Amino acid sequence: MKLKYHTAFGKVLYWLGFLFFISGLLFFSKDGVMAEDIPEALYPFALPATIIGIILLLSSHFFKKKND
């Protein structure tokens, strides 16, 4: 994805979405990459974080610079 065509708000949405998506994937399963280091309290937040990340990633595509 080329971020030079997006506005500053679109870039912020993209990186926040990426952060939420990756953190949701890390916390998603008890057999995950960092399963022994993650407290049990974070497992219920994995699916909402993944969904929020996907929504933010998709919505960042609507904030593109206008061609003059």
N, C-alpha and C. Protein backbone atom coordinates (compact mmCIF):
# COMPACT_ATOMS: atom_id res chain seq x y z
N MET A 1 0.84 -1.18 0.00
CA MET A 1 0.00 0.00 0.00
C MET A 1 0.89 1.24 0.00
N LYS A 2 0.61 2.13 -0.92
CA LYS A 2 1.37 3.37 -0.99
C LYS A 2 0.65 4.43 -0.19
N LEU A 3 1.26 4.87 0.90
CA LEU A 3 0.63 5.84 1.78
C LEU A 3 0.83 7.28 1.31
N LYS A 4 1.60 7.49 0.25
CA LYS A 4 1.81 8.87 -0.20
C LYS A 4 0.56 9.45 -0.85
N TYR A 5 -0.41 8.60 -1.19
CA TYR A 5 -1.64 9.07 -1.80
C TYR A 5 -2.73 9.35 -0.77
N HIS A 6 -2.45 9.11 0.52
CA HIS A 6 -3.44 9.30 1.57
C HIS A 6 -3.20 10.60 2.33
N THR A 7 -4.27 11.10 2.92
CA THR A 7 -4.15 12.28 3.78
C THR A 7 -3.50 11.87 5.10
N ALA A 8 -3.18 12.85 5.92
CA ALA A 8 -2.56 12.55 7.22
C ALA A 8 -3.51 11.74 8.09
N PHE A 9 -4.80 12.06 8.04
CA PHE A 9 -5.78 11.31 8.81
C PHE A 9 -5.88 9.87 8.32
N GLY A 10 -5.81 9.66 7.01
CA GLY A 10 -5.83 8.32 6.45
C GLY A 10 -4.63 7.50 6.88
N LYS A 11 -3.46 8.15 6.98
CA LYS A 11 -2.26 7.45 7.43
C LYS A 11 -2.37 7.05 8.90
N VAL A 12 -2.94 7.95 9.71
CA VAL A 12 -3.13 7.64 11.13
C VAL A 12 -4.10 6.48 11.28
N LEU A 13 -5.19 6.50 10.53
CA LEU A 13 -6.14 5.39 10.58
C LEU A 13 -5.50 4.08 10.16
N TYR A 14 -4.67 4.13 9.12
CA TYR A 14 -4.01 2.92 8.65
C TYR A 14 -3.10 2.33 9.72
N TRP A 15 -2.26 3.15 10.32
CA TRP A 15 -1.31 2.62 11.31
C TRP A 15 -1.99 2.19 12.59
N LEU A 16 -3.04 2.89 13.00
CA LEU A 16 -3.80 2.44 14.16
C LEU A 16 -4.49 1.10 13.88
N GLY A 17 -5.05 0.98 12.69
CA GLY A 17 -5.68 -0.27 12.30
C GLY A 17 -4.69 -1.41 12.25
N PHE A 18 -3.51 -1.14 11.73
CA PHE A 18 -2.46 -2.15 11.68
C PHE A 18 -2.05 -2.58 13.08
N LEU A 19 -1.92 -1.62 13.99
CA LEU A 19 -1.55 -1.91 15.37
C LEU A 19 -2.63 -2.75 16.07
N PHE A 20 -3.88 -2.36 15.91
CA PHE A 20 -4.97 -3.13 16.52
C PHE A 20 -5.05 -4.53 15.94
N PHE A 21 -4.90 -4.66 14.62
CA PHE A 21 -5.00 -5.96 13.97
C PHE A 21 -3.89 -6.90 14.44
N ILE A 22 -2.67 -6.42 14.47
CA ILE A 22 -1.55 -7.27 14.89
C ILE A 22 -1.66 -7.63 16.37
N SER A 23 -2.05 -6.67 17.21
CA SER A 23 -2.19 -6.99 18.64
C SER A 23 -3.34 -7.98 18.85
N GLY A 24 -4.40 -7.87 18.08
CA GLY A 24 -5.49 -8.83 18.18
C GLY A 24 -5.06 -10.21 17.77
N LEU A 25 -4.23 -10.31 16.74
CA LEU A 25 -3.74 -11.62 16.32
C LEU A 25 -2.78 -12.22 17.35
N LEU A 26 -1.99 -11.40 17.99
CA LEU A 26 -1.06 -11.90 19.00
C LEU A 26 -1.79 -12.46 20.21
N PHE A 27 -2.89 -11.83 20.60
CA PHE A 27 -3.62 -12.25 21.78
C PHE A 27 -4.72 -13.25 21.48
N PHE A 28 -4.89 -13.64 20.22
CA PHE A 28 -6.07 -14.39 19.82
C PHE A 28 -6.15 -15.79 20.42
N SER A 29 -5.09 -16.54 20.40
CA SER A 29 -5.16 -17.92 20.90
C SER A 29 -4.24 -18.11 22.09
N LYS A 30 -4.60 -19.06 22.90
CA LYS A 30 -3.76 -19.37 24.06
C LYS A 30 -2.49 -20.11 23.63
N ASP A 31 -2.47 -20.61 22.41
CA ASP A 31 -1.29 -21.29 21.88
C ASP A 31 -0.50 -20.38 20.97
N GLY A 32 -0.70 -19.08 21.08
CA GLY A 32 -0.07 -18.12 20.19
C GLY A 32 1.42 -17.98 20.45
N VAL A 33 2.01 -17.00 19.81
CA VAL A 33 3.45 -16.80 19.87
C VAL A 33 3.92 -16.47 21.27
N MET A 34 3.20 -15.59 21.95
CA MET A 34 3.62 -15.14 23.27
C MET A 34 2.62 -15.61 24.33
N ALA A 35 2.12 -16.83 24.21
CA ALA A 35 1.02 -17.30 25.06
C ALA A 35 1.39 -17.33 26.53
N GLU A 36 2.62 -17.66 26.86
CA GLU A 36 2.98 -17.77 28.27
C GLU A 36 3.21 -16.40 28.92
N ASP A 37 3.40 -15.38 28.12
CA ASP A 37 3.66 -14.04 28.66
C ASP A 37 2.41 -13.17 28.75
N ILE A 38 1.29 -13.61 28.18
CA ILE A 38 0.09 -12.80 28.11
C ILE A 38 -0.84 -13.15 29.27
N PRO A 39 -1.28 -12.16 30.03
CA PRO A 39 -2.24 -12.45 31.10
C PRO A 39 -3.57 -12.94 30.54
N GLU A 40 -4.29 -13.72 31.33
CA GLU A 40 -5.57 -14.27 30.90
C GLU A 40 -6.60 -13.18 30.63
N ALA A 41 -6.44 -12.02 31.24
CA ALA A 41 -7.42 -10.95 31.09
C ALA A 41 -7.43 -10.35 29.69
N LEU A 42 -6.38 -10.55 28.90
CA LEU A 42 -6.32 -9.96 27.56
C LEU A 42 -6.97 -10.81 26.48
N TYR A 43 -7.25 -12.07 26.74
CA TYR A 43 -7.83 -12.94 25.72
C TYR A 43 -9.20 -12.48 25.23
N PRO A 44 -10.08 -11.95 26.10
CA PRO A 44 -11.38 -11.48 25.57
C PRO A 44 -11.28 -10.25 24.66
N PHE A 45 -10.19 -9.52 24.71
CA PHE A 45 -10.03 -8.33 23.88
C PHE A 45 -9.43 -8.63 22.51
N ALA A 46 -9.07 -9.87 22.25
CA ALA A 46 -8.39 -10.21 21.01
C ALA A 46 -9.31 -10.08 19.79
N LEU A 47 -10.48 -10.66 19.86
CA LEU A 47 -11.38 -10.61 18.71
C LEU A 47 -11.87 -9.19 18.42
N PRO A 48 -12.30 -8.41 19.44
CA PRO A 48 -12.67 -7.02 19.13
C PRO A 48 -11.51 -6.20 18.57
N ALA A 49 -10.30 -6.42 19.06
CA ALA A 49 -9.15 -5.68 18.54
C ALA A 49 -8.89 -6.03 17.08
N THR A 50 -9.05 -7.29 16.73
CA THR A 50 -8.86 -7.71 15.34
C THR A 50 -9.93 -7.09 14.44
N ILE A 51 -11.17 -7.09 14.89
CA ILE A 51 -12.26 -6.52 14.09
C ILE A 51 -12.10 -5.01 13.95
N ILE A 52 -11.75 -4.33 15.03
CA ILE A 52 -11.52 -2.88 14.97
C ILE A 52 -10.37 -2.57 14.02
N GLY A 53 -9.32 -3.39 14.06
CA GLY A 53 -8.19 -3.19 13.16
C GLY A 53 -8.58 -3.31 11.71
N ILE A 54 -9.39 -4.30 11.39
CA ILE A 54 -9.84 -4.48 10.00
C ILE A 54 -10.70 -3.30 9.56
N ILE A 55 -11.59 -2.84 10.44
CA ILE A 55 -12.46 -1.71 10.10
C ILE A 55 -11.63 -0.45 9.87
N LEU A 56 -10.64 -0.21 10.73
CA LEU A 56 -9.79 0.98 10.54
C LEU A 56 -8.96 0.88 9.27
N LEU A 57 -8.44 -0.30 8.96
CA LEU A 57 -7.67 -0.47 7.73
C LEU A 57 -8.54 -0.21 6.50
N LEU A 58 -9.75 -0.72 6.52
CA LEU A 58 -10.63 -0.51 5.37
C LEU A 58 -11.09 0.94 5.26
N SER A 59 -11.34 1.57 6.40
CA SER A 59 -11.81 2.96 6.34
C SER A 59 -10.70 3.94 5.97
N SER A 60 -9.45 3.55 6.14
CA SER A 60 -8.35 4.45 5.76
C SER A 60 -8.28 4.66 4.25
N HIS A 61 -8.84 3.75 3.48
CA HIS A 61 -8.81 3.89 2.03
C HIS A 61 -9.73 4.98 1.51
N PHE A 62 -10.64 5.46 2.35
CA PHE A 62 -11.54 6.52 1.91
C PHE A 62 -10.94 7.91 2.07
N PHE A 63 -9.78 8.00 2.67
CA PHE A 63 -9.14 9.30 2.91
C PHE A 63 -7.92 9.45 2.01
N LYS A 64 -8.17 9.63 0.73
CA LYS A 64 -7.11 9.82 -0.24
C LYS A 64 -7.07 11.26 -0.68
N LYS A 65 -5.89 11.71 -1.10
CA LYS A 65 -5.73 13.09 -1.58
C LYS A 65 -6.42 13.23 -2.93
N LYS A 66 -6.96 14.40 -3.15
CA LYS A 66 -7.61 14.69 -4.42
C LYS A 66 -6.55 14.99 -5.48
N ASN A 67 -6.74 14.48 -6.67
CA ASN A 67 -5.84 14.78 -7.78
C ASN A 67 -6.21 16.14 -8.36
N ASP A 68 -5.25 17.04 -8.41
CA ASP A 68 -5.50 18.38 -8.96
C ASP A 68 -5.08 18.48 -10.39
